[in-house]
Protein backbone atom coordinates (compact mmCIF):
# COMPACT_ATOMS: atom_id res chain seq x y z
CA UNK A 1 -14.77 35.03 -7.81
CA UNK A 2 -15.43 38.33 -9.74
CA UNK A 3 -19.14 38.20 -8.82
CA UNK A 4 -18.29 37.64 -5.15
CA UNK A 5 -15.92 40.64 -5.20
CA UNK A 6 -18.56 42.85 -6.84
CA UNK A 7 -21.11 41.80 -4.22
CA UNK A 8 -18.67 42.67 -1.43
CA UNK A 9 -17.94 46.09 -2.99
CA UNK A 10 -21.65 46.85 -3.25
CA UNK A 11 -22.13 45.76 0.37
CA UNK A 12 -19.29 48.01 1.47
CA UNK A 13 -20.77 51.02 -0.41
CA UNK A 14 -24.22 50.51 1.13
CA UNK A 15 -22.78 50.17 4.63
CA UNK A 16 -20.66 53.31 4.23
CA UNK A 17 -23.73 55.26 3.06
CA UNK A 18 -25.67 54.07 6.09
CA UNK A 19 -22.81 55.04 8.36
CA UNK A 20 -22.67 58.57 6.91
CA UNK A 21 -26.39 59.02 7.51
CA UNK A 22 -25.98 57.92 11.10
CA UNK A 23 -22.93 60.16 11.46
CA UNK A 24 -24.85 63.21 10.29
CA UNK A 25 -27.54 62.51 12.86
CA UNK A 26 -25.42 61.50 15.82
CA UNK A 27 -22.08 63.23 15.26
CA UNK A 28 -18.43 62.51 15.42
CA UNK A 29 -18.89 59.66 17.82
CA UNK A 30 -19.90 57.44 14.94
CA UNK A 31 -16.64 57.84 13.00
CA UNK A 32 -15.20 54.85 14.75
CA UNK A 33 -18.28 52.94 13.64
CA UNK A 34 -17.59 53.88 10.02
CA UNK A 35 -14.04 52.58 10.33
CA UNK A 36 -15.28 49.34 11.86
CA UNK A 37 -17.98 48.82 9.26
CA UNK A 38 -15.48 49.49 6.49
CA UNK A 39 -13.31 46.65 7.80
CA UNK A 40 -16.05 44.01 7.67
CA UNK A 41 -16.21 43.49 3.90
CA UNK A 42 -12.44 43.19 3.69
CA UNK A 43 -12.53 40.49 6.35
CA UNK A 44 -15.30 38.67 4.53
CA UNK A 45 -13.32 38.89 1.30
CA UNK A 46 -10.37 37.35 3.08
CA UNK A 47 -12.51 34.42 4.17
CA UNK A 48 -13.84 33.94 0.65
CA UNK A 49 -10.29 33.87 -0.69
CA UNK A 50 -9.46 31.08 1.75
CA UNK A 51 -12.20 28.99 0.17
CA UNK A 52 -10.48 28.98 -3.22
CA UNK A 53 -9.47 25.50 -4.46
CA UNK A 54 -5.79 24.72 -4.12
CA UNK A 55 -4.03 21.64 -5.53
CA UNK A 56 -1.48 19.90 -3.35
CA UNK A 57 0.83 17.08 -4.47
CA UNK A 58 -0.40 13.59 -3.55
CA UNK A 59 2.49 11.92 -1.75
CA UNK A 60 0.61 8.85 -0.48
CA UNK A 61 1.76 5.33 -1.26
CA UNK A 62 -0.16 3.65 -4.08
CA UNK A 63 -0.40 0.28 -5.78
CA UNK A 64 2.31 0.25 -8.44
CA UNK A 65 4.79 2.29 -6.42
CA UNK A 66 8.34 0.98 -6.31
CA UNK A 67 10.19 -0.33 -3.23
CA UNK A 68 13.93 0.26 -3.51
CA UNK A 69 16.80 -1.55 -1.81
CA UNK A 70 17.27 1.38 0.60
CA UNK A 71 13.69 0.99 1.85
CA UNK A 72 12.29 4.04 0.05
CA UNK A 73 8.92 3.73 -1.69
CA UNK A 74 8.18 6.07 -4.60
CA UNK A 75 6.24 6.40 -7.81
CA UNK A 76 7.72 4.83 -10.92
CA UNK A 77 8.32 8.29 -12.35
CA UNK A 78 10.38 9.33 -9.32
CA UNK A 79 12.16 5.99 -9.26
CA UNK A 80 13.18 6.27 -12.92
CA UNK A 81 14.96 9.55 -12.12
CA UNK A 82 16.42 8.48 -8.78
CA UNK A 83 19.22 6.12 -9.78
CA UNK A 84 18.05 3.71 -7.06
CA UNK A 85 17.71 -0.07 -7.36
CA UNK A 86 14.18 -1.51 -7.35
CA UNK A 87 13.46 -4.66 -5.39
CA UNK A 88 9.64 -4.93 -5.24
CA UNK A 89 6.36 -3.34 -6.34
CA UNK A 90 3.49 -2.32 -4.02
CA UNK A 91 0.45 -4.51 -4.71
CA UNK A 92 -1.83 -3.87 -1.72
CA UNK A 93 -2.57 -1.06 0.74
CA UNK A 94 -3.79 -1.92 4.22
CA UNK A 95 -6.92 0.01 5.23
CA UNK A 96 -7.60 -2.02 8.37
CA UNK A 97 -5.86 -0.73 11.50
CA UNK A 98 -5.85 -4.28 12.86
CA UNK A 99 -3.58 -5.41 10.03
CA UNK A 100 0.18 -5.17 10.35
CA UNK A 101 1.98 -2.59 8.24
CA UNK A 102 0.83 -0.11 5.62
CA UNK A 103 0.72 -2.55 2.72
CA UNK A 104 2.47 -5.32 0.83
CA UNK A 105 5.03 -5.33 -1.97
CA UNK A 106 5.86 -8.26 -4.24
CA UNK A 107 9.43 -9.05 -5.23
CA UNK A 108 10.46 -8.63 -8.85
CA UNK A 109 11.55 -12.25 -9.32
CA UNK A 110 10.50 -15.78 -8.41
CA UNK A 111 12.66 -18.02 -6.29
CA UNK A 112 13.75 -21.32 -7.82
CA UNK A 113 11.48 -24.34 -7.21
CA UNK A 114 12.11 -25.95 -3.82
CA UNK A 115 10.27 -28.26 -1.43
CA UNK A 116 8.05 -26.95 1.34
CA UNK A 117 9.79 -29.40 3.70
CA UNK A 118 12.66 -31.85 3.40
CA UNK A 119 10.50 -34.65 4.75
CA UNK A 120 6.86 -35.30 5.61
CA UNK A 121 5.43 -36.41 8.93
CA UNK A 122 6.06 -33.11 10.77
CA UNK A 123 3.58 -30.31 11.39
CA UNK A 124 5.58 -27.11 10.99
CA UNK A 125 3.45 -24.77 13.03
CA UNK A 126 1.71 -22.59 10.45
CA UNK A 127 -1.80 -21.37 11.17
CA UNK A 128 -3.40 -23.49 8.39
CA UNK A 129 -5.92 -20.62 8.18
CA UNK A 130 -6.99 -19.85 4.61
CA UNK A 131 -8.20 -16.36 5.59
CA UNK A 132 -5.19 -15.22 7.64
CA UNK A 133 -2.73 -12.63 6.31
CA UNK A 134 0.05 -14.31 8.25
CA UNK A 135 2.72 -15.29 5.75
CA UNK A 136 5.43 -13.63 7.83
CA UNK A 137 4.52 -15.61 10.93
CA UNK A 138 4.13 -18.81 8.92
CA UNK A 139 7.56 -18.41 7.33
CA UNK A 140 9.19 -17.98 10.74
CA UNK A 141 7.40 -21.10 11.94
CA UNK A 142 8.75 -23.06 8.96
CA UNK A 143 12.26 -21.77 9.51
CA UNK A 144 12.27 -22.49 13.23
CA UNK A 145 10.95 -26.06 13.02
CA UNK A 146 13.86 -28.25 14.12
CA UNK A 147 12.45 -31.68 13.24
CA UNK A 148 12.67 -30.91 9.52
CA UNK A 149 14.00 -28.07 7.41
CA UNK A 150 12.09 -25.91 4.95
CA UNK A 151 13.99 -25.12 1.74
CA UNK A 152 11.49 -22.43 0.72
CA UNK A 153 11.84 -20.64 4.07
CA UNK A 154 15.62 -20.83 3.88
CA UNK A 155 15.51 -19.28 0.40
CA UNK A 156 13.56 -16.21 1.46
CA UNK A 157 15.78 -15.68 4.50
CA UNK A 158 18.71 -15.36 2.11
CA UNK A 159 16.98 -12.31 0.58
CA UNK A 160 17.50 -10.39 3.80
CA UNK A 161 20.84 -9.01 2.60
CA UNK A 162 19.08 -5.69 1.90
CA UNK A 163 17.48 -5.61 5.33
CA UNK A 164 14.05 -6.39 3.85
CA UNK A 165 12.02 -9.00 5.71
CA UNK A 166 10.94 -11.17 2.78
CA UNK A 167 8.61 -14.08 3.43
CA UNK A 168 6.46 -16.70 1.73
CA UNK A 169 2.91 -15.31 1.39
CA UNK A 170 -0.06 -17.06 2.94
CA UNK A 171 -3.03 -18.19 0.86
CA UNK A 172 -4.92 -15.00 1.76
CA UNK A 173 -1.99 -12.81 0.75
CA UNK A 174 -1.65 -14.65 -2.56
CA UNK A 175 -5.32 -13.86 -3.18
CA UNK A 176 -4.53 -10.15 -2.78
CA UNK A 177 -1.61 -10.49 -5.18
CA UNK A 178 -3.78 -12.33 -7.70
CA UNK A 179 -6.40 -9.56 -7.55
CA UNK A 180 -3.82 -6.86 -8.34
CA UNK A 181 -1.62 -8.72 -10.81
CA UNK A 182 -2.82 -6.78 -13.85
CA UNK A 183 -2.13 -3.48 -12.08
CA UNK A 184 1.40 -4.37 -10.94
CA UNK A 185 2.70 -6.45 -13.84
CA UNK A 186 3.57 -3.44 -16.04
CA UNK A 187 5.66 -1.94 -13.23
CA UNK A 188 7.36 -5.26 -12.49
CA UNK A 189 8.36 -5.51 -16.14
CA UNK A 190 9.54 -1.89 -16.33
CA UNK A 191 11.79 -2.58 -13.35
CA UNK A 192 13.30 -5.61 -15.10
CA UNK A 193 11.33 -8.20 -13.15
CA UNK A 194 9.24 -11.24 -14.04
CA UNK A 195 5.50 -10.49 -14.33
CA UNK A 196 3.07 -12.60 -12.33
CA UNK A 197 2.27 -15.44 -14.80
CA UNK A 198 -1.09 -16.77 -15.85
CA UNK A 199 0.00 -19.66 -18.07
CA UNK A 200 -0.85 -23.15 -16.84
CA UNK A 201 2.77 -24.29 -16.80
CA UNK A 202 4.10 -21.33 -14.83
CA UNK A 203 1.34 -20.22 -12.47
CA UNK A 204 1.66 -22.52 -9.44
CA UNK A 205 3.33 -21.14 -6.30
CA UNK A 206 3.87 -22.41 -2.80
CA UNK A 207 2.06 -20.52 -0.07
CA UNK A 208 3.21 -20.71 3.55
CA UNK A 209 -0.11 -22.21 4.67
CA UNK A 210 -0.34 -25.88 5.64
CA UNK A 211 -3.53 -27.85 4.95
CA UNK A 212 -5.71 -27.97 8.07
CA UNK A 213 -5.96 -31.52 9.41
CA UNK A 214 -3.09 -32.66 7.18
CA UNK A 215 -0.35 -30.36 8.44
CA UNK A 216 2.18 -33.19 8.64
CA UNK A 217 1.96 -33.97 4.93
CA UNK A 218 0.48 -31.19 2.81
CA UNK A 219 0.51 -27.45 2.17
CA UNK A 220 -1.36 -25.22 -0.28
CA UNK A 221 -0.28 -24.26 -3.78
CA UNK A 222 -1.83 -21.15 -5.33
CA UNK A 223 -2.52 -20.58 -9.03
CA UNK A 224 -1.93 -17.04 -10.30
CA UNK A 225 -3.62 -18.15 -13.50
CA UNK A 226 -7.01 -18.98 -12.01
CA UNK A 227 -6.94 -17.91 -8.35
CA UNK A 228 -7.49 -21.48 -7.15
CA UNK A 229 -5.63 -23.48 -4.51
CA UNK A 230 -4.48 -27.08 -4.49
CA UNK A 231 -3.32 -29.20 -1.57
CA UNK A 232 0.08 -30.64 -2.36
CA UNK A 233 2.60 -32.99 -0.69
CA UNK A 234 5.28 -30.94 1.03
CA UNK A 235 8.17 -32.73 -0.64
CA UNK A 236 7.26 -31.45 -4.12
CA UNK A 237 9.36 -28.60 -5.54
CA UNK A 238 7.53 -25.44 -6.60
CA UNK A 239 8.30 -21.74 -7.00
CA UNK A 240 7.85 -18.98 -4.43
CA UNK A 241 7.15 -15.31 -5.13
CA UNK A 242 8.26 -13.54 -1.94
CA UNK A 243 6.45 -10.52 -0.55
CA UNK A 244 7.23 -7.98 2.16
CA UNK A 245 5.16 -5.99 4.64
CA UNK A 246 5.67 -2.23 4.27
CA UNK A 247 5.93 -0.13 7.42
CA UNK A 248 6.73 3.52 8.02
């Protein structure tokens, strides 16, 4: 910055000298020109100053940020000073405008093992699409099926006491959670929650995705230990780790 200032000062001196020469030859009419030329370096200096680097606080949502019961999302540092109650941890940010919401947060605790459906023989209207990020829609379909009830869907609906729309994640959403588990587990633990497990006895979770072609009898389990899926009879009891879509 010092070198740039020196260069501008030298430029100003040379331009003033030129203006004086012209003034001596032409007369008083050039005095306005001297004033104008003297203003140019100052303007240039002002533009250079605007190019200086300035640091601004990064307020964007990030993986590992904390979702509180009042709906606020903040860094763990801000949360620890806020006195608020944590309910979930951000594990994915949506970059695709076609996707709903700004990201996903995973709840701090598992729900107790329950069946996908009270009885088999009924297709419950989920997409059965292994690539779809549609756990919210699937959970509503499970809840609204009248021919049979869904204990896992009923469980997550009971979490709505805070106004948060919890749901059973789809297979594709569980894959996103699996990919970020190492990043979010420390924050889950610091908030008093249960980290995403990787042990063989604790890692199997219901998704909200039925098995295509076998929707009346089976749905997919997801392993947070290996990232694999397993088709499973709906009447079996397994855990759910609810998630929520974050929106501004």
